[in-house]
Protein backbone atom coordinates (compact mmCIF):
# COMPACT_ATOMS: atom_id res chain seq x y z
CA MET A 1 -0.13 0.19 0.19
CA SER A 2 1.81 2.95 -1.26
CA ASN A 3 1.03 6.61 -0.43
CA PRO A 4 1.75 9.53 -2.68
CA ILE A 5 4.51 10.86 -0.29
CA SER A 6 6.21 7.61 -0.14
CA SER A 7 6.49 7.74 -3.83
CA TYR A 8 7.38 11.16 -4.48
CA LEU A 9 10.48 10.33 -1.82
CA GLY A 10 11.08 7.45 -3.42
CA ILE A 11 13.84 4.38 -2.79
CA HIS A 12 15.07 7.47 -0.10
CA ALA A 13 11.58 6.94 1.95
CA ASP A 14 12.60 3.08 3.12
CA ALA A 15 16.13 3.59 3.49
CA LEU A 16 16.08 5.99 6.15
CA PRO A 17 14.34 3.19 8.73
CA LEU A 18 16.80 0.59 7.24
CA ARG A 19 19.70 2.91 8.01
CA GLU A 20 18.76 3.98 11.47
CA GLN A 21 18.12 0.20 12.38
CA ARG A 22 21.58 -0.61 10.86
CA MET A 23 23.16 2.19 13.35
CA LYS A 24 21.44 0.67 16.30
CA LEU A 25 23.07 -2.71 15.19
CA ILE A 26 26.49 -1.41 15.07
CA ALA A 27 26.07 1.00 18.54
CA SER A 28 25.13 -1.96 20.17
CA ASN A 29 28.21 -3.54 19.17
CA LEU A 30 30.43 -1.01 19.72
CA ALA A 31 28.89 -1.08 23.49
CA ASN A 32 29.13 -4.69 23.96
CA ALA A 33 32.83 -5.07 22.69
CA ASP A 34 34.06 -6.16 26.05
CA THR A 35 31.04 -8.09 26.95
CA PRO A 36 32.26 -12.04 27.00
CA GLY A 37 31.00 -14.51 24.39
CA TYR A 38 29.04 -11.78 22.34
CA LYS A 39 28.91 -11.92 18.31
CA ALA A 40 28.94 -8.61 16.79
CA GLN A 41 25.66 -8.15 14.50
CA ASP A 42 25.01 -5.96 11.26
CA LEU A 43 21.91 -5.79 8.57
CA ASP A 44 22.10 -6.89 4.87
CA PHE A 45 21.31 -3.15 3.48
CA ASN A 46 20.40 -4.36 0.15
CA THR A 47 18.84 -7.03 0.40
CA ALA A 48 16.44 -5.79 3.27
CA LEU A 49 16.40 -2.09 1.20
CA ASP A 50 15.51 -4.75 -2.01
CA ALA A 51 12.65 -6.16 0.05
CA ALA A 52 10.83 -2.74 1.79
CA ALA A 53 10.89 -1.30 -1.62
CA ARG A 54 8.89 -4.48 -2.61
CA ALA A 55 6.87 -4.50 -0.17
CA ARG A 56 5.84 -0.59 -0.85
CA THR A 57 5.28 -1.09 -4.47
CA GLY A 58 3.84 -4.12 -4.08
CA ALA A 59 5.62 -5.90 -5.84
CA ASP A 60 5.99 -10.10 -5.35
CA PRO A 61 4.48 -9.64 -1.85
CA GLY A 62 4.93 -12.95 -1.77
CA ARG A 63 8.79 -14.02 -2.18
CA PRO A 64 10.09 -15.64 1.03
CA GLY A 65 11.61 -12.84 3.10
CA ALA A 66 10.39 -9.98 1.73
CA LEU A 67 8.32 -7.37 4.08
CA ALA A 68 4.43 -6.96 3.36
CA ALA A 69 2.75 -3.83 3.93
CA THR A 70 -0.97 -5.06 4.43
CA ARG A 71 -2.39 -1.61 6.25
CA GLU A 72 -1.33 1.60 6.61
CA GLY A 73 1.74 2.27 8.61
CA HIS A 74 2.81 -1.64 8.19
CA LEU A 75 5.56 -1.23 6.49
CA THR A 76 7.00 0.81 9.59
CA ASP A 77 5.99 -2.00 12.08
CA ALA A 78 7.79 -4.50 10.11
CA ILE A 79 11.10 -2.16 9.80
CA ALA A 80 11.17 -2.08 13.51
CA THR A 81 10.38 -5.88 14.11
CA GLY A 82 10.86 -7.79 10.97
CA LEU A 83 14.53 -7.51 9.97
CA ALA A 84 15.44 -10.84 11.66
CA PRO A 85 16.16 -11.81 7.92
CA PHE A 86 18.10 -9.47 6.89
CA GLN A 87 20.43 -9.64 10.08
CA TYR A 88 23.53 -11.80 10.00
CA THR A 89 26.25 -12.42 12.47
CA ARG A 90 29.61 -10.75 11.55
CA GLN A 91 32.88 -12.43 11.22
CA SER A 92 36.04 -11.34 13.25
CA ALA A 93 39.28 -11.01 11.16
CA GLN A 94 40.65 -11.80 15.15
CA PRO A 95 38.12 -12.88 18.02
CA SER A 96 39.11 -12.51 21.37
CA LEU A 97 39.68 -15.51 23.42
CA ASP A 98 36.74 -14.70 25.39
CA GLY A 99 34.51 -15.30 22.09
CA ASN A 100 33.28 -11.77 21.08
CA THR A 101 33.76 -11.01 18.14
CA VAL A 102 33.93 -6.96 17.75
CA ASP A 103 36.66 -5.19 16.14
CA ALA A 104 35.95 -2.39 17.85
CA ASP A 105 37.66 -0.61 14.86
CA LEU A 106 36.28 -2.21 12.62
CA GLU A 107 32.64 -0.82 14.25
CA ARG A 108 33.96 2.99 14.82
CA ALA A 109 34.27 2.92 10.71
CA ALA A 110 31.40 0.88 9.56
CA TYR A 111 29.57 3.24 12.37
CA GLY A 112 30.97 6.40 10.75
CA ARG A 113 30.00 5.29 7.39
CA ALA A 114 26.65 4.30 7.59
CA ALA A 115 26.77 8.02 9.27
CA LEU A 116 28.01 9.44 6.31
CA GLU A 117 24.82 7.38 4.56
CA TYR A 118 22.05 8.26 7.08
CA ARG A 119 23.23 11.81 6.37
CA ALA A 120 22.52 11.87 2.40
CA SER A 121 19.60 10.08 2.65
CA LEU A 122 18.49 12.85 4.61
CA SER A 123 19.78 15.60 2.66
CA PHE A 124 17.55 13.99 -0.42
CA VAL A 125 14.73 13.35 1.83
CA GLU A 126 14.43 17.39 2.92
CA SER A 127 15.42 18.87 -0.59
CA LYS A 128 12.34 16.52 -1.99
CA VAL A 129 10.09 18.09 1.19
CA ARG A 130 11.75 21.43 0.31
CA ASN A 131 10.43 21.03 -3.35
CA LEU A 132 6.96 20.05 -2.74
CA LEU A 133 7.37 23.36 -0.47
CA THR A 134 7.90 25.82 -2.76
CA ALA A 135 5.39 23.84 -5.03
CA ILE A 136 2.87 24.22 -2.88
CA THR A 137 3.57 27.99 -1.40
CA GLY A 138 4.81 29.03 -4.33
CA GLN A 139 7.93 30.86 -3.13
């Protein structure tokens, strides 16, 4: 079920919540860098975005692992709770003796890149909203 605003914003309307969830996973990894046995988690962003875009457009809703929008606002709910199929345990190049696989340097670099990508999507959405407001107000 698509609404005109999400159609106007395009893929970035789907990308923003996914990017936010990925940043939360990376932040959780950093927070648990010293937790024995903790396994670093990440999100397969491209696959999750593809599934979210398919759910938004209604293309191939029966595909296994696809997010299905069955009511208004459902995609947001699915993103918040239904990312498990797109989440994976990231392997470490050098796991610690206590079984923790978090590489703090790698996580900080990943978080920096994720924050940059989030800001880029947000800038695009802001630009589209600004253009829409200009069209509405005529200024």
